[in-house]
Amino acid sequence: MDKKRAAFLSIFLFIAVNVVSLSNAIEGYYGHEDERVYAAVTVALVSTILATAAFFIWKKAEYKK
């Protein structure tokens, strides 16, 4: 698997992790479970940073001459 395809698939993987962790954060917020909220938001932030990094790797590989 080339670098471009791996980066493209990892973007979708990180976004899926982000959606799941944010839904867990919302459930924890309504259930007043602070530890669950903090853990889920931390995972969501890390997955957002990784998705952004994967996007720039994909963009660089896509538009490389």
PDB file of N, CA and C in Angstrom:
ATOM      1  N   MET A   1       0.856  -1.172   0.000  1.00  0.00           N
ATOM      2  CA  MET A   1       0.000   0.000   0.000  1.00  0.00           C
ATOM      3  C   MET A   1       0.905   1.238   0.000  1.00  0.00           C
ATOM      4  N   ASP A   2       0.620   2.117  -0.922  1.00  0.00           N
ATOM      5  CA  ASP A   2       1.454   3.306  -1.014  1.00  0.00           C
ATOM      6  C   ASP A   2       1.082   4.329   0.062  1.00  0.00           C
ATOM      7  N   LYS A   3       1.923   5.333   0.155  1.00  0.00           N
ATOM      8  CA  LYS A   3       1.790   6.337   1.219  1.00  0.00           C
ATOM      9  C   LYS A   3       0.487   7.126   1.109  1.00  0.00           C
ATOM     10  N   LYS A   4       0.080   7.427  -0.114  1.00  0.00           N
ATOM     11  CA  LYS A   4      -1.127   8.215  -0.333  1.00  0.00           C
ATOM     12  C   LYS A   4      -2.370   7.459   0.125  1.00  0.00           C
ATOM     13  N   ARG A   5      -2.458   6.185  -0.217  1.00  0.00           N
ATOM     14  CA  ARG A   5      -3.618   5.375   0.163  1.00  0.00           C
ATOM     15  C   ARG A   5      -3.669   5.155   1.679  1.00  0.00           C
ATOM     16  N   ALA A   6      -2.511   4.928   2.282  1.00  0.00           N
ATOM     17  CA  ALA A   6      -2.468   4.730   3.734  1.00  0.00           C
ATOM     18  C   ALA A   6      -2.907   5.990   4.470  1.00  0.00           C
ATOM     19  N   ALA A   7      -2.470   7.139   3.997  1.00  0.00           N
ATOM     20  CA  ALA A   7      -2.871   8.394   4.626  1.00  0.00           C
ATOM     21  C   ALA A   7      -4.365   8.637   4.449  1.00  0.00           C
ATOM     22  N   PHE A   8      -4.888   8.324   3.261  1.00  0.00           N
ATOM     23  CA  PHE A   8      -6.308   8.524   2.987  1.00  0.00           C
ATOM     24  C   PHE A   8      -7.169   7.638   3.877  1.00  0.00           C
ATOM     25  N   LEU A   9      -6.786   6.378   4.037  1.00  0.00           N
ATOM     26  CA  LEU A   9      -7.548   5.475   4.900  1.00  0.00           C
ATOM     27  C   LEU A   9      -7.421   5.848   6.378  1.00  0.00           C
ATOM     28  N   SER A  10      -6.261   6.342   6.770  1.00  0.00           N
ATOM     29  CA  SER A  10      -6.084   6.729   8.163  1.00  0.00           C
ATOM     30  C   SER A  10      -6.912   7.959   8.514  1.00  0.00           C
ATOM     31  N   ILE A  11      -7.158   8.838   7.544  1.00  0.00           N
ATOM     32  CA  ILE A  11      -8.027   9.990   7.795  1.00  0.00           C
ATOM     33  C   ILE A  11      -9.411   9.504   8.200  1.00  0.00           C
ATOM     34  N   PHE A  12      -9.962   8.567   7.440  1.00  0.00           N
ATOM     35  CA  PHE A  12     -11.286   8.035   7.772  1.00  0.00           C
ATOM     36  C   PHE A  12     -11.292   7.288   9.099  1.00  0.00           C
ATOM     37  N   LEU A  13     -10.222   6.572   9.388  1.00  0.00           N
ATOM     38  CA  LEU A  13     -10.129   5.863  10.667  1.00  0.00           C
ATOM     39  C   LEU A  13     -10.110   6.842  11.836  1.00  0.00           C
ATOM     40  N   PHE A  14      -9.323   7.891  11.729  1.00  0.00           N
ATOM     41  CA  PHE A  14      -9.239   8.873  12.809  1.00  0.00           C
ATOM     42  C   PHE A  14     -10.541   9.645  12.969  1.00  0.00           C
ATOM     43  N   ILE A  15     -11.231   9.922  11.883  1.00  0.00           N
ATOM     44  CA  ILE A  15     -12.520  10.607  11.987  1.00  0.00           C
ATOM     45  C   ILE A  15     -13.559   9.700  12.644  1.00  0.00           C
ATOM     46  N   ALA A  16     -13.523   8.408  12.334  1.00  0.00           N
ATOM     47  CA  ALA A  16     -14.448   7.468  12.977  1.00  0.00           C
ATOM     48  C   ALA A  16     -14.192   7.388  14.481  1.00  0.00           C
ATOM     49  N   VAL A  17     -12.923   7.350  14.868  1.00  0.00           N
ATOM     50  CA  VAL A  17     -12.574   7.352  16.296  1.00  0.00           C
ATOM     51  C   VAL A  17     -13.048   8.643  16.943  1.00  0.00           C
ATOM     52  N   ASN A  18     -12.920   9.735  16.235  1.00  0.00           N
ATOM     53  CA  ASN A  18     -13.350  11.033  16.747  1.00  0.00           C
ATOM     54  C   ASN A  18     -14.853  11.056  16.995  1.00  0.00           C
ATOM     55  N   VAL A  19     -15.640  10.551  16.066  1.00  0.00           N
ATOM     56  CA  VAL A  19     -17.098  10.534  16.218  1.00  0.00           C
ATOM     57  C   VAL A  19     -17.516   9.672  17.404  1.00  0.00           C
ATOM     58  N   VAL A  20     -16.917   8.519  17.539  1.00  0.00           N
ATOM     59  CA  VAL A  20     -17.265   7.630  18.650  1.00  0.00           C
ATOM     60  C   VAL A  20     -16.881   8.251  19.990  1.00  0.00           C
ATOM     61  N   SER A  21     -15.704   8.830  20.066  1.00  0.00           N
ATOM     62  CA  SER A  21     -15.272   9.404  21.338  1.00  0.00           C
ATOM     63  C   SER A  21     -16.079  10.642  21.700  1.00  0.00           C
ATOM     64  N   LEU A  22     -16.479  11.432  20.720  1.00  0.00           N
ATOM     65  CA  LEU A  22     -17.318  12.586  21.031  1.00  0.00           C
ATOM     66  C   LEU A  22     -18.716  12.173  21.468  1.00  0.00           C
ATOM     67  N   SER A  23     -19.237  11.088  20.908  1.00  0.00           N
ATOM     68  CA  SER A  23     -20.535  10.608  21.389  1.00  0.00           C
ATOM     69  C   SER A  23     -20.425  10.078  22.813  1.00  0.00           C
ATOM     70  N   ASN A  24     -19.296   9.451  23.142  1.00  0.00           N
ATOM     71  CA  ASN A  24     -19.070   9.015  24.525  1.00  0.00           C
ATOM     72  C   ASN A  24     -18.943  10.208  25.464  1.00  0.00           C
ATOM     73  N   ALA A  25     -18.333  11.276  24.989  1.00  0.00           N
ATOM     74  CA  ALA A  25     -18.211  12.477  25.816  1.00  0.00           C
ATOM     75  C   ALA A  25     -19.584  13.084  26.098  1.00  0.00           C
ATOM     76  N   ILE A  26     -20.438  13.105  25.099  1.00  0.00           N
ATOM     77  CA  ILE A  26     -21.782  13.653  25.296  1.00  0.00           C
ATOM     78  C   ILE A  26     -22.576  12.794  26.265  1.00  0.00           C
ATOM     79  N   GLU A  27     -22.488  11.481  26.127  1.00  0.00           N
ATOM     80  CA  GLU A  27     -23.190  10.587  27.055  1.00  0.00           C
ATOM     81  C   GLU A  27     -22.661  10.753  28.472  1.00  0.00           C
ATOM     82  N   GLY A  28     -21.353  10.903  28.601  1.00  0.00           N
ATOM     83  CA  GLY A  28     -20.765  11.109  29.920  1.00  0.00           C
ATOM     84  C   GLY A  28     -21.165  12.444  30.522  1.00  0.00           C
ATOM     85  N   TYR A  29     -21.302  13.451  29.695  1.00  0.00           N
ATOM     86  CA  TYR A  29     -21.715  14.766  30.178  1.00  0.00           C
ATOM     87  C   TYR A  29     -23.133  14.722  30.725  1.00  0.00           C
ATOM     88  N   TYR A  30     -24.027  14.081  30.001  1.00  0.00           N
ATOM     89  CA  TYR A  30     -25.409  14.003  30.476  1.00  0.00           C
ATOM     90  C   TYR A  30     -25.548  13.085  31.681  1.00  0.00           C
ATOM     91  N   GLY A  31     -24.632  12.129  31.823  1.00  0.00           N
ATOM     92  CA  GLY A  31     -24.651  11.239  32.976  1.00  0.00           C
ATOM     93  C   GLY A  31     -23.827  11.748  34.139  1.00  0.00           C
ATOM     94  N   HIS A  32     -23.244  12.945  34.014  1.00  0.00           N
ATOM     95  CA  HIS A  32     -22.415  13.566  35.054  1.00  0.00           C
ATOM     96  C   HIS A  32     -21.238  12.678  35.446  1.00  0.00           C
ATOM     97  N   GLU A  33     -20.620  12.052  34.447  1.00  0.00           N
ATOM     98  CA  GLU A  33     -19.439  11.220  34.669  1.00  0.00           C
ATOM     99  C   GLU A  33     -18.228  11.983  34.135  1.00  0.00           C
ATOM    100  N   ASP A  34     -17.606  12.756  35.000  1.00  0.00           N
ATOM    101  CA  ASP A  34     -16.538  13.656  34.569  1.00  0.00           C
ATOM    102  C   ASP A  34     -15.321  12.930  34.011  1.00  0.00           C
ATOM    103  N   GLU A  35     -14.952  11.799  34.597  1.00  0.00           N
ATOM    104  CA  GLU A  35     -13.774  11.072  34.123  1.00  0.00           C
ATOM    105  C   GLU A  35     -13.983  10.592  32.688  1.00  0.00           C
ATOM    106  N   ARG A  36     -15.197  10.141  32.407  1.00  0.00           N
ATOM    107  CA  ARG A  36     -15.513   9.654  31.063  1.00  0.00           C
ATOM    108  C   ARG A  36     -15.461  10.803  30.049  1.00  0.00           C
ATOM    109  N   VAL A  37     -15.925  11.975  30.460  1.00  0.00           N
ATOM    110  CA  VAL A  37     -15.912  13.135  29.567  1.00  0.00           C
ATOM    111  C   VAL A  37     -14.474  13.538  29.256  1.00  0.00           C
ATOM    112  N   TYR A  38     -13.635  13.640  30.265  1.00  0.00           N
ATOM    113  CA  TYR A  38     -12.252  14.063  30.056  1.00  0.00           C
ATOM    114  C   TYR A  38     -11.486  13.063  29.190  1.00  0.00           C
ATOM    115  N   ALA A  39     -11.691  11.786  29.431  1.00  0.00           N
ATOM    116  CA  ALA A  39     -10.999  10.766  28.642  1.00  0.00           C
ATOM    117  C   ALA A  39     -11.455  10.801  27.186  1.00  0.00           C
ATOM    118  N   ALA A  40     -12.749  10.924  26.974  1.00  0.00           N
ATOM    119  CA  ALA A  40     -13.272  10.924  25.605  1.00  0.00           C
ATOM    120  C   ALA A  40     -12.853  12.178  24.851  1.00  0.00           C
ATOM    121  N   VAL A  41     -12.848  13.314  25.510  1.00  0.00           N
ATOM    122  CA  VAL A  41     -12.428  14.550  24.848  1.00  0.00           C
ATOM    123  C   VAL A  41     -10.934  14.499  24.524  1.00  0.00           C
ATOM    124  N   THR A  42     -10.142  13.912  25.386  1.00  0.00           N
ATOM    125  CA  THR A  42      -8.713  13.768  25.120  1.00  0.00           C
ATOM    126  C   THR A  42      -8.473  12.885  23.896  1.00  0.00           C
ATOM    127  N   VAL A  43      -9.185  11.768  23.829  1.00  0.00           N
ATOM    128  CA  VAL A  43      -9.058  10.884  22.667  1.00  0.00           C
ATOM    129  C   VAL A  43      -9.517  11.601  21.402  1.00  0.00           C
ATOM    130  N   ALA A  44     -10.583  12.376  21.497  1.00  0.00           N
ATOM    131  CA  ALA A  44     -11.085  13.116  20.335  1.00  0.00           C
ATOM    132  C   ALA A  44     -10.070  14.155  19.867  1.00  0.00           C
ATOM    133  N   LEU A  45      -9.439  14.853  20.791  1.00  0.00           N
ATOM    134  CA  LEU A  45      -8.442  15.847  20.404  1.00  0.00           C
ATOM    135  C   LEU A  45      -7.225  15.210  19.748  1.00  0.00           C
ATOM    136  N   VAL A  46      -6.775  14.090  20.291  1.00  0.00           N
ATOM    137  CA  VAL A  46      -5.623  13.396  19.707  1.00  0.00           C
ATOM    138  C   VAL A  46      -5.966  12.875  18.315  1.00  0.00           C
ATOM    139  N   SER A  47      -7.163  12.315  18.155  1.00  0.00           N
ATOM    140  CA  SER A  47      -7.544  11.803  16.839  1.00  0.00           C
ATOM    141  C   SER A  47      -7.720  12.936  15.837  1.00  0.00           C
ATOM    142  N   THR A  48      -8.142  14.108  16.292  1.00  0.00           N
ATOM    143  CA  THR A  48      -8.244  15.263  15.402  1.00  0.00           C
ATOM    144  C   THR A  48      -6.860  15.706  14.933  1.00  0.00           C
ATOM    145  N   ILE A  49      -5.913  15.738  15.839  1.00  0.00           N
ATOM    146  CA  ILE A  49      -4.541  16.119  15.472  1.00  0.00           C
ATOM    147  C   ILE A  49      -3.944  15.105  14.499  1.00  0.00           C
ATOM    148  N   LEU A  50      -4.176  13.823  14.744  1.00  0.00           N
ATOM    149  CA  LEU A  50      -3.649  12.791  13.854  1.00  0.00           C
ATOM    150  C   LEU A  50      -4.328  12.831  12.485  1.00  0.00           C
ATOM    151  N   ALA A  51      -5.635  13.102  12.447  1.00  0.00           N
ATOM    152  CA  ALA A  51      -6.341  13.214  11.166  1.00  0.00           C
ATOM    153  C   ALA A  51      -5.822  14.408  10.376  1.00  0.00           C
ATOM    154  N   THR A  52      -5.535  15.503  11.061  1.00  0.00           N
ATOM    155  CA  THR A  52      -4.989  16.677  10.387  1.00  0.00           C
ATOM    156  C   THR A  52      -3.601  16.388   9.828  1.00  0.00           C
ATOM    157  N   ALA A  53      -2.781  15.706  10.596  1.00  0.00           N
ATOM    158  CA  ALA A  53      -1.443  15.333  10.117  1.00  0.00           C
ATOM    159  C   ALA A  53      -1.544  14.380   8.927  1.00  0.00           C
ATOM    160  N   ALA A  54      -2.466  13.433   8.998  1.00  0.00           N
ATOM    161  CA  ALA A  54      -2.657  12.506   7.878  1.00  0.00           C
ATOM    162  C   ALA A  54      -3.163  13.230   6.642  1.00  0.00           C
ATOM    163  N   PHE A  55      -3.990  14.245   6.842  1.00  0.00           N
ATOM    164  CA  PHE A  55      -4.470  15.034   5.712  1.00  0.00           C
ATOM    165  C   PHE A  55      -3.324  15.728   5.003  1.00  0.00           C
ATOM    166  N   PHE A  56      -2.407  16.332   5.762  1.00  0.00           N
ATOM    167  CA  PHE A  56      -1.289  17.026   5.138  1.00  0.00           C
ATOM    168  C   PHE A  56      -0.335  16.049   4.453  1.00  0.00           C
ATOM    169  N   ILE A  57      -0.179  14.859   5.016  1.00  0.00           N
ATOM    170  CA  ILE A  57       0.642  13.831   4.357  1.00  0.00           C
ATOM    171  C   ILE A  57      -0.016  13.405   3.051  1.00  0.00           C
ATOM    172  N   TRP A  58      -1.334  13.193   3.083  1.00  0.00           N
ATOM    173  CA  TRP A  58      -2.056  12.820   1.874  1.00  0.00           C
ATOM    174  C   TRP A  58      -1.986  13.927   0.828  1.00  0.00           C
ATOM    175  N   LYS A  59      -2.165  15.168   1.261  1.00  0.00           N
ATOM    176  CA  LYS A  59      -2.131  16.305   0.331  1.00  0.00           C
ATOM    177  C   LYS A  59      -0.764  16.418  -0.328  1.00  0.00           C
ATOM    178  N   LYS A  60       0.287  16.227   0.446  1.00  0.00           N
ATOM    179  CA  LYS A  60       1.638  16.300  -0.096  1.00  0.00           C
ATOM    180  C   LYS A  60       1.873  15.166  -1.110  1.00  0.00           C
ATOM    181  N   ALA A  61       1.372  13.967  -0.800  1.00  0.00           N
ATOM    182  CA  ALA A  61       1.552  12.838  -1.718  1.00  0.00           C
ATOM    183  C   ALA A  61       0.662  12.979  -2.951  1.00  0.00           C
ATOM    184  N   GLU A  62      -0.507  13.570  -2.807  1.00  0.00           N
ATOM    185  CA  GLU A  62      -1.439  13.720  -3.927  1.00  0.00           C
ATOM    186  C   GLU A  62      -0.940  14.723  -4.948  1.00  0.00           C
ATOM    187  N   TYR A  63      -0.413  15.829  -4.491  1.00  0.00           N
ATOM    188  CA  TYR A  63      -0.023  16.897  -5.397  1.00  0.00           C
ATOM    189  C   TYR A  63       1.480  16.957  -5.665  1.00  0.00           C
ATOM    190  N   LYS A  64       2.164  15.859  -5.370  1.00  0.00           N
ATOM    191  CA  LYS A  64       3.596  15.784  -5.631  1.00  0.00           C
ATOM    192  C   LYS A  64       3.830  15.584  -7.129  1.00  0.00           C
ATOM    193  N   LYS A  65       4.792  16.277  -7.664  1.00  0.00           N
ATOM    194  CA  LYS A  65       5.063  16.169  -9.106  1.00  0.00           C
ATOM    195  C   LYS A  65       6.032  15.077  -9.424  1.00  0.00           C
TER     196      LYS A  65
END
